[in-house]
Amino acid sequence: MRMKSLYLSILFSAILCSAMAQPTSRGGNSYESFIDYQKAFSRPGEALKRKEDTLQKQFEAKKLEWPAKYIYIRSFKYDSQLEVWVKNDIKDKFQLFKTYKVCALAGTLGPKRLEGDYQVPEGFYYINEFNPNSSYYLSLGLNYPNASDKILSDSLRPGSAIYIHGSCVTVGCIPITDQQIDELYILAAHAKDKGQDFIPVHIFPIRYNVPKSANYLANLTKDDPALKKFSDRLEQAFDYFDKFHQLPVIMVNEKGEYLVNGAVPKRSAPDPKEAKVKKVAMEHRVRIVSSLPSSVHQWPQYPGGGETFAKYLDQLGRDMVAYLPTGTRKAFVQVEFVVDKDGVPVNIKVLKGTIDEDFADELIKRLENMGTWQPAMLNDKPVAKKMIQTITVEAK
């Protein structure tokens, strides 16, 4: 096929580098940076005063460099989540900074194709507008309709004005709370200030690696081959990022279909029985610990001490709010784990507090990344020691 017969549109490439944001003028005033420009508006200016120091401390706690030069946003409609990934060098892998709860949803799964259909778009977009005076507090505009939408949506009325915004209401956008849009707006403004003119936003129908979500989408698309084909293409981009933590190059052909460069083979339909086995045997850190003394001369010590551990658990509880089962706003989750004699936390289990497997799975994954402890000591020798801890997860 000749190149001219294939409509190629590079939506997001692994190279996100772009020219540094230029000083902006407003009302006859000139500004040295995009951040200074945003400070000239009351809402972003106040948000920066309230939130910037807190965000910086959260970055430090996660050993991330502040501010992030590159951010990537992905949202999951059915799972009602919005993730923020960050990095500071083009060659680095993205690291997850935070997951927000999307607090309202309009329409159903599937792409937006018509003005007034109340659908949240699905596909690959970027932030093209910072609105400091939004009717919904603060908002970040998306470049809907993109190249694919312009081919596949209604030619006269495809719709427009799609935003990530505050106020927790929606008629087809992605709403989060005012406190959350404060943070996201600041992160995006800093990235733009550092030169990221095209901040990618991928909107997926579901988390494809969550069996409950995958089964829901499978039932929805079983009699709709066009929707299945569309969602399968989105899944290729989801899989690519989950494998490499880098963004794939995504193109659009003359039919408006997404083409994901380097797409990994599609996974087979999830088997709930297999999923349970994988969670224990493959995904989580499990060891055979031969001896667990009931008493020790010195208990395991978290890096930085007990106060640091308490702060870590508080932050973990806040981060896990986005994974609470639908309708649940608070949970006291009791977990058990073993700090092995080399200080590595292993054999993590959720004992009580939630029966949602997806929540438990995510919590265990995060606890496995809590760092290496100073092991317990018995007779001047390091030994394994079982720990039980309660984590409070509460939506504010």
Protein backbone atom coordinates (compact mmCIF):
# COMPACT_ATOMS: atom_id res chain seq x y z
CA MET A 1 0.00 0.00 0.00
CA ARG A 2 1.43 3.37 -0.99
CA MET A 3 2.07 5.81 1.85
CA LYS A 4 -0.33 8.38 0.45
CA SER A 5 -3.19 5.87 0.66
CA LEU A 6 -2.61 5.42 4.39
CA TYR A 7 -3.59 8.34 6.57
CA LEU A 8 -0.85 8.29 9.19
CA SER A 9 -1.26 10.39 12.28
CA ILE A 10 1.38 10.03 14.98
CA LEU A 11 -0.72 10.64 18.07
CA PHE A 12 1.84 9.80 20.73
CA SER A 13 5.35 8.63 20.22
CA ALA A 14 7.84 7.29 22.65
CA ILE A 15 9.68 10.57 22.06
CA LEU A 16 7.60 13.20 23.78
CA CYS A 17 10.29 15.87 23.73
CA SER A 18 9.17 19.21 22.40
CA ALA A 19 10.26 22.83 22.47
CA MET A 20 10.31 24.56 25.84
CA ALA A 21 7.09 26.41 26.65
CA GLN A 22 7.55 30.01 25.62
CA PRO A 23 6.89 32.97 27.92
CA THR A 24 3.25 34.01 27.60
CA SER A 25 1.68 37.45 27.73
CA ARG A 26 -1.67 38.37 29.23
CA GLY A 27 -3.22 41.80 29.47
CA GLY A 28 0.01 43.44 28.37
CA ASN A 29 2.07 41.59 30.98
CA SER A 30 4.89 39.23 30.07
CA TYR A 31 5.77 36.10 32.02
CA GLU A 32 9.04 34.23 32.15
CA SER A 33 7.42 30.81 32.49
CA PHE A 34 4.13 29.00 32.05
CA ILE A 35 3.97 28.55 35.84
CA ASP A 36 4.26 32.31 36.36
CA TYR A 37 1.50 32.77 33.79
CA GLN A 38 -0.78 30.39 35.70
CA LYS A 39 -0.04 32.18 38.97
CA ALA A 40 -1.59 35.28 37.45
CA PHE A 41 -5.00 33.55 37.64
CA SER A 42 -6.63 33.32 41.05
CA ARG A 43 -7.59 29.61 41.07
CA PRO A 44 -4.30 28.14 39.81
CA GLY A 45 -2.38 30.68 41.90
CA GLU A 46 -4.19 29.65 45.06
CA ALA A 47 -3.87 25.96 44.17
CA LEU A 48 -0.10 26.34 43.78
CA LYS A 49 0.12 27.97 47.22
CA ARG A 50 -1.98 25.23 48.82
CA LYS A 51 -0.73 22.15 47.05
CA GLU A 52 2.75 22.59 45.59
CA ASP A 53 4.65 21.93 48.81
CA THR A 54 2.48 18.87 49.57
CA LEU A 55 3.03 17.48 46.08
CA GLN A 56 6.76 18.01 46.38
CA LYS A 57 6.83 16.08 49.66
CA GLN A 58 4.79 13.26 48.09
CA PHE A 59 7.32 13.08 45.26
CA GLU A 60 10.16 12.92 47.78
CA ALA A 61 8.41 10.13 49.69
CA LYS A 62 8.22 8.10 46.48
CA LYS A 63 11.81 8.96 45.53
CA LEU A 64 10.63 10.91 42.47
CA GLU A 65 12.29 14.04 41.18
CA TRP A 66 10.20 17.20 41.50
CA PRO A 67 8.72 18.53 39.31
CA ALA A 68 8.08 15.85 36.71
CA LYS A 69 9.21 16.85 33.22
CA TYR A 70 6.94 14.28 31.60
CA ILE A 71 3.54 13.09 32.75
CA TYR A 72 1.16 10.56 31.24
CA ILE A 73 -2.51 10.25 32.18
CA ARG A 74 -4.70 7.23 31.60
CA SER A 75 -8.32 6.81 32.62
CA PHE A 76 -10.56 3.75 32.91
CA LYS A 77 -14.29 4.34 32.46
CA TYR A 78 -15.81 1.19 33.96
CA ASP A 79 -13.30 1.13 36.83
CA SER A 80 -13.77 4.89 37.46
CA GLN A 81 -10.05 5.57 37.87
CA LEU A 82 -7.56 8.09 36.54
CA GLU A 83 -3.83 7.42 36.86
CA VAL A 84 -0.94 9.88 36.73
CA TRP A 85 2.45 8.54 35.63
CA VAL A 86 5.66 10.58 35.74
CA LYS A 87 9.30 10.56 34.67
CA ASN A 88 12.12 13.07 34.23
CA ASP A 89 14.18 11.68 31.38
CA ILE A 90 12.88 10.68 27.97
CA LYS A 91 14.66 7.30 28.24
CA ASP A 92 13.28 6.47 31.68
CA LYS A 93 10.28 4.27 32.30
CA PHE A 94 7.16 5.95 33.61
CA GLN A 95 6.42 5.48 37.31
CA LEU A 96 2.95 5.63 38.83
CA PHE A 97 2.55 8.69 41.04
CA LYS A 98 -1.11 8.62 42.00
CA THR A 99 -4.52 7.15 41.15
CA TYR A 100 -7.63 9.32 41.46
CA LYS A 101 -11.23 8.21 41.69
CA VAL A 102 -13.34 9.45 38.77
CA CYS A 103 -16.39 10.57 40.71
CA ALA A 104 -19.11 10.58 38.03
CA LEU A 105 -19.74 8.93 34.67
CA ALA A 106 -22.04 9.74 31.78
CA GLY A 107 -23.00 7.38 28.96
CA THR A 108 -21.78 3.82 28.54
CA LEU A 109 -18.65 1.98 27.41
CA GLY A 110 -17.64 2.74 23.84
CA PRO A 111 -16.30 5.75 21.92
CA LYS A 112 -17.96 9.13 21.50
CA ARG A 113 -19.48 9.51 18.03
CA LEU A 114 -22.07 12.32 18.20
CA GLU A 115 -22.59 15.67 19.88
CA GLY A 116 -25.04 15.30 22.75
CA ASP A 117 -24.61 11.53 23.20
CA TYR A 118 -23.15 12.14 26.71
CA GLN A 119 -20.38 9.68 25.94
CA VAL A 120 -16.91 10.03 27.42
CA PRO A 121 -14.51 9.49 24.48
CA GLU A 122 -12.27 6.44 24.32
CA GLY A 123 -8.94 6.55 22.56
CA PHE A 124 -5.69 8.49 22.48
CA TYR A 125 -5.63 12.20 23.18
CA TYR A 126 -3.49 14.97 24.61
CA ILE A 127 -4.09 18.06 26.72
CA ASN A 128 -4.60 21.07 24.46
CA GLU A 129 -6.00 23.62 26.91
CA PHE A 130 -5.49 24.86 30.46
CA ASN A 131 -8.67 26.59 31.63
CA PRO A 132 -8.07 28.50 34.91
CA ASN A 133 -11.60 29.97 34.91
CA SER A 134 -13.62 26.85 34.16
CA SER A 135 -17.31 26.56 35.06
CA TYR A 136 -16.14 23.35 36.77
CA TYR A 137 -13.43 25.05 38.88
CA LEU A 138 -10.28 24.09 36.89
CA SER A 139 -10.14 22.05 33.71
CA LEU A 140 -7.72 20.50 31.23
CA GLY A 141 -9.04 20.27 27.69
CA LEU A 142 -8.52 17.26 25.42
CA ASN A 143 -8.04 17.36 21.64
CA TYR A 144 -11.36 15.65 20.89
CA PRO A 145 -12.17 14.98 18.09
CA ASN A 146 -8.77 13.53 17.18
CA ALA A 147 -7.75 12.14 13.78
CA SER A 148 -9.69 8.89 14.32
CA ASP A 149 -12.80 10.62 15.65
CA LYS A 150 -12.92 12.97 12.66
CA ILE A 151 -13.21 9.94 10.37
CA LEU A 152 -15.54 7.76 12.45
CA SER A 153 -17.77 10.30 14.23
CA ASP A 154 -20.67 12.30 12.83
CA SER A 155 -19.18 14.56 10.17
CA LEU A 156 -21.32 17.57 11.07
CA ARG A 157 -21.76 17.15 14.83
CA PRO A 158 -18.96 15.03 16.32
CA GLY A 159 -19.07 16.99 19.59
CA SER A 160 -16.33 18.93 21.33
CA ALA A 161 -15.31 20.53 24.64
CA ILE A 162 -14.12 17.38 26.44
CA TYR A 163 -12.25 18.10 29.66
CA ILE A 164 -10.78 16.61 32.78
CA HIS A 165 -12.24 18.94 35.41
CA GLY A 166 -13.34 19.47 38.99
CA SER A 167 -16.79 19.86 40.59
CA CYS A 168 -17.54 16.12 40.39
CA VAL A 169 -20.33 16.40 37.77
CA THR A 170 -20.30 15.43 34.10
CA VAL A 171 -22.18 15.35 30.81
CA GLY A 172 -19.44 13.49 28.94
CA CYS A 173 -16.18 14.64 30.51
CA ILE A 174 -13.87 13.13 33.15
CA PRO A 175 -14.70 14.70 36.55
CA ILE A 176 -12.62 14.46 39.70
CA THR A 177 -12.84 16.45 42.92
CA ASP A 178 -11.63 20.04 43.22
CA GLN A 179 -8.80 18.89 45.50
CA GLN A 180 -7.68 16.38 42.90
CA ILE A 181 -7.89 18.71 39.90
CA ASP A 182 -5.77 21.16 41.90
CA GLU A 183 -3.01 18.55 41.96
CA LEU A 184 -3.43 17.37 38.38
CA TYR A 185 -3.53 20.92 37.03
CA ILE A 186 -0.30 21.77 38.89
CA LEU A 187 1.45 18.62 37.65
CA ALA A 188 0.40 19.31 34.06
CA ALA A 189 1.39 22.98 34.30
CA HIS A 190 4.86 22.07 35.57
CA ALA A 191 5.31 19.49 32.80
CA LYS A 192 4.31 22.06 30.19
CA ASP A 193 6.61 24.58 31.82
CA LYS A 194 9.46 22.07 31.44
CA GLY A 195 8.71 21.60 27.74
CA GLN A 196 6.08 18.85 27.44
CA ASP A 197 3.69 20.59 25.08
CA PHE A 198 1.72 17.41 24.32
CA ILE A 199 0.67 15.66 27.54
CA PRO A 200 -0.84 12.28 26.52
CA VAL A 201 -4.20 11.16 27.89
CA HIS A 202 -5.31 7.60 27.07
CA ILE A 203 -8.94 6.77 27.84
CA PHE A 204 -9.78 3.06 28.07
CA PRO A 205 -13.16 1.39 28.59
CA ILE A 206 -11.79 -0.87 31.33
CA ARG A 207 -8.67 -2.10 33.08
CA TYR A 208 -8.00 -5.02 30.78
CA ASN A 209 -6.07 -6.97 33.43
CA VAL A 210 -8.95 -6.99 35.93
CA PRO A 211 -11.05 -10.15 35.37
CA LYS A 212 -14.33 -8.58 36.53
CA SER A 213 -13.89 -5.65 34.15
CA ALA A 214 -12.74 -7.85 31.27
CA ASN A 215 -15.75 -10.11 31.69
CA TYR A 216 -18.09 -7.11 31.66
CA LEU A 217 -16.58 -5.81 28.43
CA ALA A 218 -16.68 -9.29 26.86
CA ASN A 219 -20.42 -9.56 27.55
CA LEU A 220 -20.99 -6.06 26.19
CA THR A 221 -19.12 -6.68 22.93
CA LYS A 222 -20.09 -10.30 22.19
CA ASP A 223 -22.84 -9.18 19.79
CA ASP A 224 -21.07 -6.03 18.61
CA PRO A 225 -18.04 -6.94 16.46
CA ALA A 226 -17.24 -3.30 15.63
CA LEU A 227 -17.05 -2.32 19.29
CA LYS A 228 -15.01 -5.44 20.06
CA LYS A 229 -12.52 -4.60 17.31
CA PHE A 230 -12.25 -1.03 18.57
CA SER A 231 -11.68 -2.06 22.20
CA ASP A 232 -9.16 -4.73 21.13
CA ARG A 233 -7.03 -2.00 19.51
CA LEU A 234 -7.13 0.02 22.73
CA GLU A 235 -6.12 -3.08 24.64
CA GLN A 236 -2.98 -3.36 22.50
CA ALA A 237 -1.85 0.07 23.69
CA PHE A 238 -2.75 -0.83 27.30
CA ASP A 239 -0.68 -4.03 27.07
CA TYR A 240 2.28 -2.25 25.48
CA PHE A 241 2.45 0.31 28.28
CA ASP A 242 1.98 -2.30 31.01
CA LYS A 243 4.87 -4.30 29.54
CA PHE A 244 7.35 -1.50 28.87
CA HIS A 245 6.11 1.50 30.91
CA GLN A 246 6.77 3.54 27.79
CA LEU A 247 4.24 4.93 25.35
CA PRO A 248 3.70 3.17 22.03
CA VAL A 249 3.58 4.97 18.71
CA ILE A 250 -0.08 5.09 17.68
CA MET A 251 -1.26 5.80 14.15
CA VAL A 252 -4.60 6.14 12.39
CA ASN A 253 -5.27 4.53 9.00
CA GLU A 254 -7.61 5.75 6.27
CA LYS A 255 -10.55 3.94 7.93
CA GLY A 256 -10.01 5.77 11.21
CA GLU A 257 -8.70 2.65 12.94
CA TYR A 258 -5.94 2.88 15.53
CA LEU A 259 -2.70 1.06 14.69
CA VAL A 260 -0.43 0.37 17.66
CA ASN A 261 3.20 -0.01 16.66
CA GLY A 262 4.89 -2.94 18.41
CA ALA A 263 1.60 -4.29 19.75
CA VAL A 264 2.04 -7.39 21.90
CA PRO A 265 -0.11 -10.48 21.18
CA LYS A 266 -3.62 -10.25 22.60
CA ARG A 267 -4.17 -12.12 25.85
CA SER A 268 -6.76 -14.88 25.98
CA ALA A 269 -10.01 -14.36 27.85
CA PRO A 270 -9.48 -14.33 31.62
CA ASP A 271 -10.17 -17.50 33.53
CA PRO A 272 -11.17 -16.68 37.12
CA LYS A 273 -9.68 -19.95 38.41
CA GLU A 274 -6.38 -19.27 36.65
CA ALA A 275 -6.35 -15.70 37.91
CA LYS A 276 -6.48 -16.88 41.52
CA VAL A 277 -3.56 -19.22 40.99
CA LYS A 278 -1.47 -16.55 39.27
CA LYS A 279 -2.08 -14.04 42.02
CA VAL A 280 -0.48 -16.34 44.57
CA ALA A 281 2.06 -18.30 42.57
CA MET A 282 3.27 -15.78 39.99
CA GLU A 283 2.42 -12.21 40.82
CA HIS A 284 3.09 -12.06 44.54
CA ARG A 285 6.28 -12.61 46.50
CA VAL A 286 5.90 -15.92 48.29
CA ARG A 287 8.67 -17.75 50.16
CA ILE A 288 8.87 -20.88 52.24
CA VAL A 289 9.93 -19.63 55.69
CA SER A 290 11.13 -22.53 57.80
CA SER A 291 11.09 -20.85 61.19
CA LEU A 292 9.04 -18.03 62.72
CA PRO A 293 9.99 -17.43 66.37
CA SER A 294 7.18 -16.22 68.62
CA SER A 295 9.51 -13.81 70.44
CA VAL A 296 12.64 -11.92 69.40
CA HIS A 297 15.15 -9.65 71.08
CA GLN A 298 14.54 -6.89 68.51
CA TRP A 299 11.53 -6.46 66.23
CA PRO A 300 11.90 -5.65 62.54
CA GLN A 301 12.51 -1.96 61.83
CA TYR A 302 11.00 -0.13 58.86
CA PRO A 303 13.46 2.11 56.95
CA GLY A 304 13.36 5.42 58.80
CA GLY A 305 11.67 4.03 61.91
CA GLY A 306 8.17 3.69 63.27
CA GLU A 307 7.06 7.26 62.57
CA THR A 308 8.08 6.94 58.92
CA PHE A 309 6.20 3.64 58.70
CA ALA A 310 3.06 5.28 60.11
CA LYS A 311 3.28 8.02 57.48
CA TYR A 312 3.77 5.38 54.79
CA LEU A 313 0.62 3.54 55.92
CA ASP A 314 -1.37 6.78 56.01
CA GLN A 315 -0.35 7.56 52.43
CA LEU A 316 -1.03 3.98 51.35
CA GLY A 317 -4.54 4.23 52.83
CA ARG A 318 -5.18 7.40 50.83
CA ASP A 319 -3.84 5.86 47.62
CA MET A 320 -6.01 2.76 48.03
CA VAL A 321 -9.27 4.74 48.19
CA ALA A 322 -9.47 4.56 44.39
CA TYR A 323 -9.61 0.75 44.61
CA LEU A 324 -12.41 0.45 47.16
CA PRO A 325 -15.33 -1.65 45.91
CA THR A 326 -18.27 0.32 44.52
CA GLY A 327 -20.37 1.74 47.33
CA THR A 328 -17.62 1.35 49.96
CA ARG A 329 -16.20 4.56 51.42
CA LYS A 330 -14.21 3.24 54.36
CA ALA A 331 -12.41 0.04 55.26
CA PHE A 332 -10.14 -1.13 58.06
CA VAL A 333 -7.92 -3.65 56.32
CA GLN A 334 -5.84 -6.05 58.38
CA VAL A 335 -2.81 -7.50 56.64
CA GLU A 336 -0.24 -10.10 57.61
CA PHE A 337 3.27 -10.35 56.25
CA VAL A 338 6.65 -11.80 57.11
CA VAL A 339 9.79 -9.70 57.29
CA ASP A 340 12.30 -12.36 56.26
CA LYS A 341 15.78 -12.56 57.74
CA ASP A 342 17.15 -10.55 54.82
CA GLY A 343 14.61 -7.79 55.57
CA VAL A 344 12.39 -8.43 52.53
CA PRO A 345 8.61 -8.40 53.19
CA VAL A 346 7.07 -11.63 51.85
CA ASN A 347 3.94 -13.80 52.09
CA ILE A 348 1.61 -10.80 52.35
CA LYS A 349 -2.04 -11.65 53.00
CA VAL A 350 -5.19 -9.63 53.55
CA LEU A 351 -6.78 -11.13 56.66
CA LYS A 352 -9.92 -9.02 56.99
CA GLY A 353 -11.53 -5.75 55.98
CA THR A 354 -12.48 -6.41 52.34
CA ILE A 355 -13.66 -9.33 50.23
CA ASP A 356 -12.84 -7.63 46.92
CA GLU A 357 -10.04 -9.60 45.24
CA ASP A 358 -8.98 -6.73 42.99
CA PHE A 359 -8.54 -4.45 46.01
CA ALA A 360 -6.55 -7.10 47.89
CA ASP A 361 -4.38 -7.79 44.86
CA GLU A 362 -3.50 -4.11 44.41
CA LEU A 363 -2.80 -3.64 48.12
CA ILE A 364 -0.45 -6.63 48.21
CA LYS A 365 1.43 -5.37 45.14
CA ARG A 366 1.98 -2.01 46.80
CA LEU A 367 3.06 -3.51 50.12
CA GLU A 368 5.62 -5.64 48.31
CA ASN A 369 7.25 -2.39 47.21
CA MET A 370 7.48 -0.89 50.72
CA GLY A 371 11.25 -1.40 50.82
CA THR A 372 13.71 -3.59 52.72
CA TRP A 373 13.45 -3.64 56.50
CA GLN A 374 16.07 -4.16 59.17
CA PRO A 375 15.24 -7.77 60.14
CA ALA A 376 14.31 -8.99 63.61
CA MET A 377 17.18 -10.17 65.80
CA LEU A 378 17.33 -13.24 68.05
CA ASN A 379 20.55 -14.16 69.85
CA ASP A 380 22.39 -11.60 67.69
CA LYS A 381 21.24 -13.31 64.49
CA PRO A 382 18.69 -12.04 61.94
CA VAL A 383 15.48 -14.07 61.87
CA ALA A 384 12.15 -13.96 60.06
CA LYS A 385 9.25 -12.39 61.96
CA LYS A 386 5.52 -12.28 61.24
CA MET A 387 3.84 -8.87 61.37
CA ILE A 388 0.14 -7.92 61.49
CA GLN A 389 -0.89 -4.40 60.59
CA THR A 390 -4.19 -2.53 60.14
CA ILE A 391 -4.50 0.01 57.33
CA THR A 392 -7.30 2.58 57.30
CA VAL A 393 -8.71 3.30 53.84
CA GLU A 394 -11.24 6.13 53.85
CA ALA A 395 -12.67 8.35 51.13
CA LYS A 396 -12.64 11.97 52.30
